[in-house]
Amino acid sequence: MKWEWTDHIKLQIEERNIATKAVEDTLNLPDQVVQGKRRRTIYQKIINNKLLRVVTEKNKLITAYYTDKIEKYISGDKQ
């Protein structure tokens, strides 16, 4: 899929010190894909003992962030 990088995600990954490659890797080879609120899709990947979550809406990248709460977001049956 051709992703549209919104200004918001560009700002967020810069402020949060998230590498563009990490976002791309998460989108291309996620550990799990889950449905979020407001018809959004969230791509998730564990990187260096943290979970990177990339929130998308159709082909737009909305935001991305790391969390330590892996068990909260990763369900037992990966998609």
PDB file of N, CA and C in Angstrom:
ATOM      1  N   MET A   1       0.840  -1.178   0.000  1.00  0.00           N
ATOM      2  CA  MET A   1       0.000   0.000   0.000  1.00  0.00           C
ATOM      3  C   MET A   1       0.887   1.244   0.000  1.00  0.00           C
ATOM      4  N   LYS A   2       0.439   2.251  -0.691  1.00  0.00           N
ATOM      5  CA  LYS A   2       1.131   3.535  -0.729  1.00  0.00           C
ATOM      6  C   LYS A   2       0.634   4.361   0.450  1.00  0.00           C
ATOM      7  N   TRP A   3       1.505   4.612   1.426  1.00  0.00           N
ATOM      8  CA  TRP A   3       1.118   5.323   2.639  1.00  0.00           C
ATOM      9  C   TRP A   3       1.283   6.830   2.475  1.00  0.00           C
ATOM     10  N   GLU A   4       0.339   7.571   3.019  1.00  0.00           N
ATOM     11  CA  GLU A   4       0.410   9.029   3.048  1.00  0.00           C
ATOM     12  C   GLU A   4       0.886   9.452   4.439  1.00  0.00           C
ATOM     13  N   TRP A   5       2.068  10.057   4.479  1.00  0.00           N
ATOM     14  CA  TRP A   5       2.653  10.513   5.735  1.00  0.00           C
ATOM     15  C   TRP A   5       2.078  11.884   6.071  1.00  0.00           C
ATOM     16  N   THR A   6       1.209  11.947   7.069  1.00  0.00           N
ATOM     17  CA  THR A   6       0.620  13.226   7.467  1.00  0.00           C
ATOM     18  C   THR A   6       1.667  14.067   8.196  1.00  0.00           C
ATOM     19  N   ASP A   7       1.420  15.361   8.227  1.00  0.00           N
ATOM     20  CA  ASP A   7       2.314  16.257   8.969  1.00  0.00           C
ATOM     21  C   ASP A   7       2.347  15.864  10.440  1.00  0.00           C
ATOM     22  N   HIS A   8       1.204  15.403  10.950  1.00  0.00           N
ATOM     23  CA  HIS A   8       1.128  15.018  12.365  1.00  0.00           C
ATOM     24  C   HIS A   8       2.072  13.867  12.696  1.00  0.00           C
ATOM     25  N   ILE A   9       2.077  12.822  11.887  1.00  0.00           N
ATOM     26  CA  ILE A   9       2.961  11.699  12.206  1.00  0.00           C
ATOM     27  C   ILE A   9       4.428  12.099  12.044  1.00  0.00           C
ATOM     28  N   LYS A  10       4.716  12.928  11.068  1.00  0.00           N
ATOM     29  CA  LYS A  10       6.101  13.388  10.894  1.00  0.00           C
ATOM     30  C   LYS A  10       6.584  14.115  12.144  1.00  0.00           C
ATOM     31  N   LEU A  11       5.744  14.981  12.678  1.00  0.00           N
ATOM     32  CA  LEU A  11       6.083  15.716  13.897  1.00  0.00           C
ATOM     33  C   LEU A  11       6.208  14.766  15.082  1.00  0.00           C
ATOM     34  N   GLN A  12       5.256  13.844  15.211  1.00  0.00           N
ATOM     35  CA  GLN A  12       5.254  12.918  16.340  1.00  0.00           C
ATOM     36  C   GLN A  12       6.493  12.024  16.363  1.00  0.00           C
ATOM     37  N   ILE A  13       6.875  11.460  15.208  1.00  0.00           N
ATOM     38  CA  ILE A  13       8.040  10.566  15.226  1.00  0.00           C
ATOM     39  C   ILE A  13       9.328  11.348  15.484  1.00  0.00           C
ATOM     40  N   GLU A  14       9.349  12.607  15.056  1.00  0.00           N
ATOM     41  CA  GLU A  14      10.532  13.428  15.350  1.00  0.00           C
ATOM     42  C   GLU A  14      10.602  13.728  16.851  1.00  0.00           C
ATOM     43  N   GLU A  15       9.490  14.162  17.430  1.00  0.00           N
ATOM     44  CA  GLU A  15       9.444  14.480  18.857  1.00  0.00           C
ATOM     45  C   GLU A  15       9.692  13.252  19.723  1.00  0.00           C
ATOM     46  N   ARG A  16       9.241  12.101  19.268  1.00  0.00           N
ATOM     47  CA  ARG A  16       9.363  10.864  20.049  1.00  0.00           C
ATOM     48  C   ARG A  16      10.604  10.063  19.699  1.00  0.00           C
ATOM     49  N   ASN A  17      11.400  10.607  18.796  1.00  0.00           N
ATOM     50  CA  ASN A  17      12.666   9.973  18.412  1.00  0.00           C
ATOM     51  C   ASN A  17      12.453   8.558  17.863  1.00  0.00           C
ATOM     52  N   ILE A  18      11.474   8.431  16.974  1.00  0.00           N
ATOM     53  CA  ILE A  18      11.166   7.150  16.335  1.00  0.00           C
ATOM     54  C   ILE A  18      11.713   7.199  14.914  1.00  0.00           C
ATOM     55  N   ALA A  19      12.504   6.211  14.555  1.00  0.00           N
ATOM     56  CA  ALA A  19      13.094   6.164  13.222  1.00  0.00           C
ATOM     57  C   ALA A  19      12.029   5.868  12.166  1.00  0.00           C
ATOM     58  N   THR A  20      12.147   6.549  11.027  1.00  0.00           N
ATOM     59  CA  THR A  20      11.238   6.306   9.905  1.00  0.00           C
ATOM     60  C   THR A  20      11.276   4.838   9.506  1.00  0.00           C
ATOM     61  N   LYS A  21      12.469   4.240   9.531  1.00  0.00           N
ATOM     62  CA  LYS A  21      12.619   2.829   9.166  1.00  0.00           C
ATOM     63  C   LYS A  21      11.830   1.928  10.117  1.00  0.00           C
ATOM     64  N   ALA A  22      11.780   2.270  11.397  1.00  0.00           N
ATOM     65  CA  ALA A  22      11.014   1.475  12.359  1.00  0.00           C
ATOM     66  C   ALA A  22       9.526   1.516  12.018  1.00  0.00           C
ATOM     67  N   VAL A  23       9.029   2.680  11.615  1.00  0.00           N
ATOM     68  CA  VAL A  23       7.630   2.805  11.205  1.00  0.00           C
ATOM     69  C   VAL A  23       7.387   1.969   9.948  1.00  0.00           C
ATOM     70  N   GLU A  24       8.274   2.088   8.984  1.00  0.00           N
ATOM     71  CA  GLU A  24       8.129   1.328   7.736  1.00  0.00           C
ATOM     72  C   GLU A  24       8.185  -0.174   7.991  1.00  0.00           C
ATOM     73  N   ASP A  25       9.112  -0.612   8.847  1.00  0.00           N
ATOM     74  CA  ASP A  25       9.210  -2.042   9.180  1.00  0.00           C
ATOM     75  C   ASP A  25       7.930  -2.544   9.846  1.00  0.00           C
ATOM     76  N   THR A  26       7.365  -1.716  10.709  1.00  0.00           N
ATOM     77  CA  THR A  26       6.128  -2.090  11.401  1.00  0.00           C
ATOM     78  C   THR A  26       4.969  -2.221  10.423  1.00  0.00           C
ATOM     79  N   LEU A  27       4.913  -1.323   9.451  1.00  0.00           N
ATOM     80  CA  LEU A  27       3.850  -1.386   8.450  1.00  0.00           C
ATOM     81  C   LEU A  27       4.030  -2.563   7.493  1.00  0.00           C
ATOM     82  N   ASN A  28       5.270  -2.837   7.112  1.00  0.00           N
ATOM     83  CA  ASN A  28       5.550  -3.889   6.129  1.00  0.00           C
ATOM     84  C   ASN A  28       5.566  -5.294   6.725  1.00  0.00           C
ATOM     85  N   LEU A  29       5.967  -5.417   7.970  1.00  0.00           N
ATOM     86  CA  LEU A  29       6.066  -6.735   8.603  1.00  0.00           C
ATOM     87  C   LEU A  29       5.641  -6.649  10.072  1.00  0.00           C
ATOM     88  N   PRO A  30       4.375  -6.357  10.321  1.00  0.00           N
ATOM     89  CA  PRO A  30       3.905  -6.198  11.710  1.00  0.00           C
ATOM     90  C   PRO A  30       3.860  -7.534  12.445  1.00  0.00           C
ATOM     91  N   ASP A  31       3.999  -7.457  13.770  1.00  0.00           N
ATOM     92  CA  ASP A  31       3.766  -8.644  14.591  1.00  0.00           C
ATOM     93  C   ASP A  31       2.270  -8.893  14.716  1.00  0.00           C
ATOM     94  N   GLN A  32       1.496  -7.801  14.651  1.00  0.00           N
ATOM     95  CA  GLN A  32       0.049  -7.921  14.789  1.00  0.00           C
ATOM     96  C   GLN A  32      -0.619  -6.674  14.201  1.00  0.00           C
ATOM     97  N   VAL A  33      -1.805  -6.860  13.686  1.00  0.00           N
ATOM     98  CA  VAL A  33      -2.622  -5.758  13.185  1.00  0.00           C
ATOM     99  C   VAL A  33      -3.960  -5.841  13.907  1.00  0.00           C
ATOM    100  N   VAL A  34      -4.373  -4.728  14.533  1.00  0.00           N
ATOM    101  CA  VAL A  34      -5.621  -4.722  15.296  1.00  0.00           C
ATOM    102  C   VAL A  34      -6.482  -3.536  14.874  1.00  0.00           C
ATOM    103  N   GLN A  35      -7.778  -3.659  15.138  1.00  0.00           N
ATOM    104  CA  GLN A  35      -8.692  -2.561  14.851  1.00  0.00           C
ATOM    105  C   GLN A  35      -8.692  -1.599  16.025  1.00  0.00           C
ATOM    106  N   GLY A  36      -8.621  -0.319  15.714  1.00  0.00           N
ATOM    107  CA  GLY A  36      -8.679   0.713  16.738  1.00  0.00           C
ATOM    108  C   GLY A  36     -10.016   1.414  16.710  1.00  0.00           C
ATOM    109  N   LYS A  37     -10.083   2.531  17.393  1.00  0.00           N
ATOM    110  CA  LYS A  37     -11.304   3.334  17.424  1.00  0.00           C
ATOM    111  C   LYS A  37     -11.458   4.107  16.124  1.00  0.00           C
ATOM    112  N   ARG A  38     -12.643   4.524  15.847  1.00  0.00           N
ATOM    113  CA  ARG A  38     -12.964   5.364  14.680  1.00  0.00           C
ATOM    114  C   ARG A  38     -12.473   4.769  13.363  1.00  0.00           C
ATOM    115  N   ARG A  39     -12.669   3.472  13.208  1.00  0.00           N
ATOM    116  CA  ARG A  39     -12.292   2.768  11.973  1.00  0.00           C
ATOM    117  C   ARG A  39     -10.807   2.862  11.643  1.00  0.00           C
ATOM    118  N   ARG A  40     -10.001   3.002  12.653  1.00  0.00           N
ATOM    119  CA  ARG A  40      -8.555   3.051  12.436  1.00  0.00           C
ATOM    120  C   ARG A  40      -7.962   1.660  12.600  1.00  0.00           C
ATOM    121  N   THR A  41      -6.826   1.459  11.949  1.00  0.00           N
ATOM    122  CA  THR A  41      -6.103   0.201  12.035  1.00  0.00           C
ATOM    123  C   THR A  41      -4.757   0.490  12.683  1.00  0.00           C
ATOM    124  N   ILE A  42      -4.337  -0.395  13.570  1.00  0.00           N
ATOM    125  CA  ILE A  42      -3.085  -0.199  14.294  1.00  0.00           C
ATOM    126  C   ILE A  42      -2.153  -1.358  13.991  1.00  0.00           C
ATOM    127  N   TYR A  43      -0.986  -1.011  13.462  1.00  0.00           N
ATOM    128  CA  TYR A  43       0.065  -1.980  13.175  1.00  0.00           C
ATOM    129  C   TYR A  43       1.010  -1.983  14.368  1.00  0.00           C
ATOM    130  N   GLN A  44       1.356  -3.178  14.838  1.00  0.00           N
ATOM    131  CA  GLN A  44       2.168  -3.291  16.046  1.00  0.00           C
ATOM    132  C   GLN A  44       3.371  -4.190  15.806  1.00  0.00           C
ATOM    133  N   LYS A  45       4.501  -3.776  16.387  1.00  0.00           N
ATOM    134  CA  LYS A  45       5.725  -4.566  16.264  1.00  0.00           C
ATOM    135  C   LYS A  45       6.566  -4.357  17.518  1.00  0.00           C
ATOM    136  N   ILE A  46       7.091  -5.443  18.060  1.00  0.00           N
ATOM    137  CA  ILE A  46       7.989  -5.348  19.206  1.00  0.00           C
ATOM    138  C   ILE A  46       9.396  -5.068  18.686  1.00  0.00           C
ATOM    139  N   ILE A  47       9.971  -3.973  19.179  1.00  0.00           N
ATOM    140  CA  ILE A  47      11.318  -3.551  18.793  1.00  0.00           C
ATOM    141  C   ILE A  47      12.071  -3.198  20.065  1.00  0.00           C
ATOM    142  N   ASN A  48      13.182  -3.883  20.310  1.00  0.00           N
ATOM    143  CA  ASN A  48      14.016  -3.615  21.498  1.00  0.00           C
ATOM    144  C   ASN A  48      13.198  -3.603  22.790  1.00  0.00           C
ATOM    145  N   ASN A  49      12.381  -4.632  22.978  1.00  0.00           N
ATOM    146  CA  ASN A  49      11.580  -4.822  24.190  1.00  0.00           C
ATOM    147  C   ASN A  49      10.530  -3.742  24.416  1.00  0.00           C
ATOM    148  N   LYS A  50      10.171  -3.029  23.364  1.00  0.00           N
ATOM    149  CA  LYS A  50       9.073  -2.061  23.421  1.00  0.00           C
ATOM    150  C   LYS A  50       8.154  -2.333  22.240  1.00  0.00           C
ATOM    151  N   LEU A  51       6.909  -1.933  22.387  1.00  0.00           N
ATOM    152  CA  LEU A  51       5.931  -2.131  21.329  1.00  0.00           C
ATOM    153  C   LEU A  51       5.758  -0.817  20.565  1.00  0.00           C
ATOM    154  N   LEU A  52       6.029  -0.862  19.266  1.00  0.00           N
ATOM    155  CA  LEU A  52       5.766   0.294  18.414  1.00  0.00           C
ATOM    156  C   LEU A  52       4.374   0.122  17.833  1.00  0.00           C
ATOM    157  N   ARG A  53       3.539   1.133  18.030  1.00  0.00           N
ATOM    158  CA  ARG A  53       2.170   1.127  17.511  1.00  0.00           C
ATOM    159  C   ARG A  53       2.066   2.235  16.475  1.00  0.00           C
ATOM    160  N   VAL A  54       1.644   1.887  15.272  1.00  0.00           N
ATOM    161  CA  VAL A  54       1.461   2.846  14.187  1.00  0.00           C
ATOM    162  C   VAL A  54      -0.025   2.863  13.852  1.00  0.00           C
ATOM    163  N   VAL A  55      -0.648   4.019  14.069  1.00  0.00           N
ATOM    164  CA  VAL A  55      -2.080   4.174  13.874  1.00  0.00           C
ATOM    165  C   VAL A  55      -2.325   4.717  12.465  1.00  0.00           C
ATOM    166  N   THR A  56      -3.210   4.034  11.735  1.00  0.00           N
ATOM    167  CA  THR A  56      -3.512   4.419  10.364  1.00  0.00           C
ATOM    168  C   THR A  56      -5.016   4.602  10.180  1.00  0.00           C
ATOM    169  N   GLU A  57      -5.352   5.388   9.182  1.00  0.00           N
ATOM    170  CA  GLU A  57      -6.747   5.541   8.783  1.00  0.00           C
ATOM    171  C   GLU A  57      -6.763   5.469   7.266  1.00  0.00           C
ATOM    172  N   LYS A  58      -7.269   4.349   6.755  1.00  0.00           N
ATOM    173  CA  LYS A  58      -7.167   4.025   5.331  1.00  0.00           C
ATOM    174  C   LYS A  58      -5.688   4.027   4.956  1.00  0.00           C
ATOM    175  N   ASN A  59      -5.248   4.907   4.046  1.00  0.00           N
ATOM    176  CA  ASN A  59      -3.834   4.899   3.652  1.00  0.00           C
ATOM    177  C   ASN A  59      -3.036   6.011   4.345  1.00  0.00           C
ATOM    178  N   LYS A  60      -3.662   6.712   5.308  1.00  0.00           N
ATOM    179  CA  LYS A  60      -2.979   7.802   6.008  1.00  0.00           C
ATOM    180  C   LYS A  60      -2.350   7.311   7.300  1.00  0.00           C
ATOM    181  N   LEU A  61      -1.127   7.742   7.546  1.00  0.00           N
ATOM    182  CA  LEU A  61      -0.451   7.444   8.803  1.00  0.00           C
ATOM    183  C   LEU A  61      -0.802   8.560   9.774  1.00  0.00           C
ATOM    184  N   ILE A  62      -1.431   8.205  10.878  1.00  0.00           N
ATOM    185  CA  ILE A  62      -1.936   9.189  11.834  1.00  0.00           C
ATOM    186  C   ILE A  62      -0.900   9.505  12.911  1.00  0.00           C
ATOM    187  N   THR A  63      -0.409   8.492  13.600  1.00  0.00           N
ATOM    188  CA  THR A  63       0.577   8.696  14.646  1.00  0.00           C
ATOM    189  C   THR A  63       1.318   7.394  14.914  1.00  0.00           C
ATOM    190  N   ALA A  64       2.388   7.496  15.681  1.00  0.00           N
ATOM    191  CA  ALA A  64       3.171   6.326  16.076  1.00  0.00           C
ATOM    192  C   ALA A  64       3.760   6.592  17.454  1.00  0.00           C
ATOM    193  N   TYR A  65       3.843   5.542  18.245  1.00  0.00           N
ATOM    194  CA  TYR A  65       4.438   5.697  19.569  1.00  0.00           C
ATOM    195  C   TYR A  65       4.911   4.347  20.094  1.00  0.00           C
ATOM    196  N   TYR A  66       5.898   4.408  20.986  1.00  0.00           N
ATOM    197  CA  TYR A  66       6.378   3.222  21.688  1.00  0.00           C
ATOM    198  C   TYR A  66       5.675   3.130  23.028  1.00  0.00           C
ATOM    199  N   THR A  67       5.453   1.900  23.481  1.00  0.00           N
ATOM    200  CA  THR A  67       4.911   1.666  24.813  1.00  0.00           C
ATOM    201  C   THR A  67       5.611   0.456  25.430  1.00  0.00           C
ATOM    202  N   ASP A  68       5.714   0.490  26.757  1.00  0.00           N
ATOM    203  CA  ASP A  68       6.243  -0.654  27.500  1.00  0.00           C
ATOM    204  C   ASP A  68       5.141  -1.669  27.809  1.00  0.00           C
ATOM    205  N   LYS A  69       3.900  -1.292  27.600  1.00  0.00           N
ATOM    206  CA  LYS A  69       2.747  -2.113  27.974  1.00  0.00           C
ATOM    207  C   LYS A  69       2.408  -3.120  26.879  1.00  0.00           C
ATOM    208  N   ILE A  70       3.352  -4.001  26.599  1.00  0.00           N
ATOM    209  CA  ILE A  70       3.195  -4.969  25.513  1.00  0.00           C
ATOM    210  C   ILE A  70       1.996  -5.882  25.760  1.00  0.00           C
ATOM    211  N   GLU A  71       1.874  -6.411  26.977  1.00  0.00           N
ATOM    212  CA  GLU A  71       0.796  -7.355  27.282  1.00  0.00           C
ATOM    213  C   GLU A  71      -0.576  -6.712  27.138  1.00  0.00           C
ATOM    214  N   LYS A  72      -0.667  -5.408  27.364  1.00  0.00           N
ATOM    215  CA  LYS A  72      -1.945  -4.711  27.262  1.00  0.00           C
ATOM    216  C   LYS A  72      -2.457  -4.689  25.817  1.00  0.00           C
ATOM    217  N   TYR A  73      -1.529  -4.581  24.856  1.00  0.00           N
ATOM    218  CA  TYR A  73      -1.926  -4.373  23.470  1.00  0.00           C
ATOM    219  C   TYR A  73      -1.783  -5.592  22.561  1.00  0.00           C
ATOM    220  N   ILE A  74      -0.898  -6.504  22.896  1.00  0.00           N
ATOM    221  CA  ILE A  74      -0.699  -7.692  22.063  1.00  0.00           C
ATOM    222  C   ILE A  74      -1.568  -8.817  22.595  1.00  0.00           C
ATOM    223  N   SER A  75      -2.442  -9.321  21.735  1.00  0.00           N
ATOM    224  CA  SER A  75      -3.275 -10.448  22.153  1.00  0.00           C
ATOM    225  C   SER A  75      -2.545 -11.750  21.819  1.00  0.00           C
ATOM    226  N   GLY A  76      -3.006 -12.827  22.387  1.00  0.00           N
ATOM    227  CA  GLY A  76      -2.347 -14.112  22.223  1.00  0.00           C
ATOM    228  C   GLY A  76      -2.328 -14.618  20.795  1.00  0.00           C
ATOM    229  N   ASP A  77      -3.353 -14.337  20.030  1.00  0.00           N
ATOM    230  CA  ASP A  77      -3.394 -14.822  18.662  1.00  0.00           C
ATOM    231  C   ASP A  77      -3.026 -13.705  17.692  1.00  0.00           C
ATOM    232  N   LYS A  78      -1.782 -13.754  17.247  1.00  0.00           N
ATOM    233  CA  LYS A  78      -1.285 -12.727  16.322  1.00  0.00           C
ATOM    234  C   LYS A  78      -1.960 -12.872  14.968  1.00  0.00           C
ATOM    235  N   GLN A  79      -2.192 -11.717  14.342  1.00  0.00           N
ATOM    236  CA  GLN A  79      -2.838 -11.719  13.024  1.00  0.00           C
ATOM    237  C   GLN A  79      -1.807 -11.586  11.953  1.00  0.00           C
TER     238      GLN A  79
END
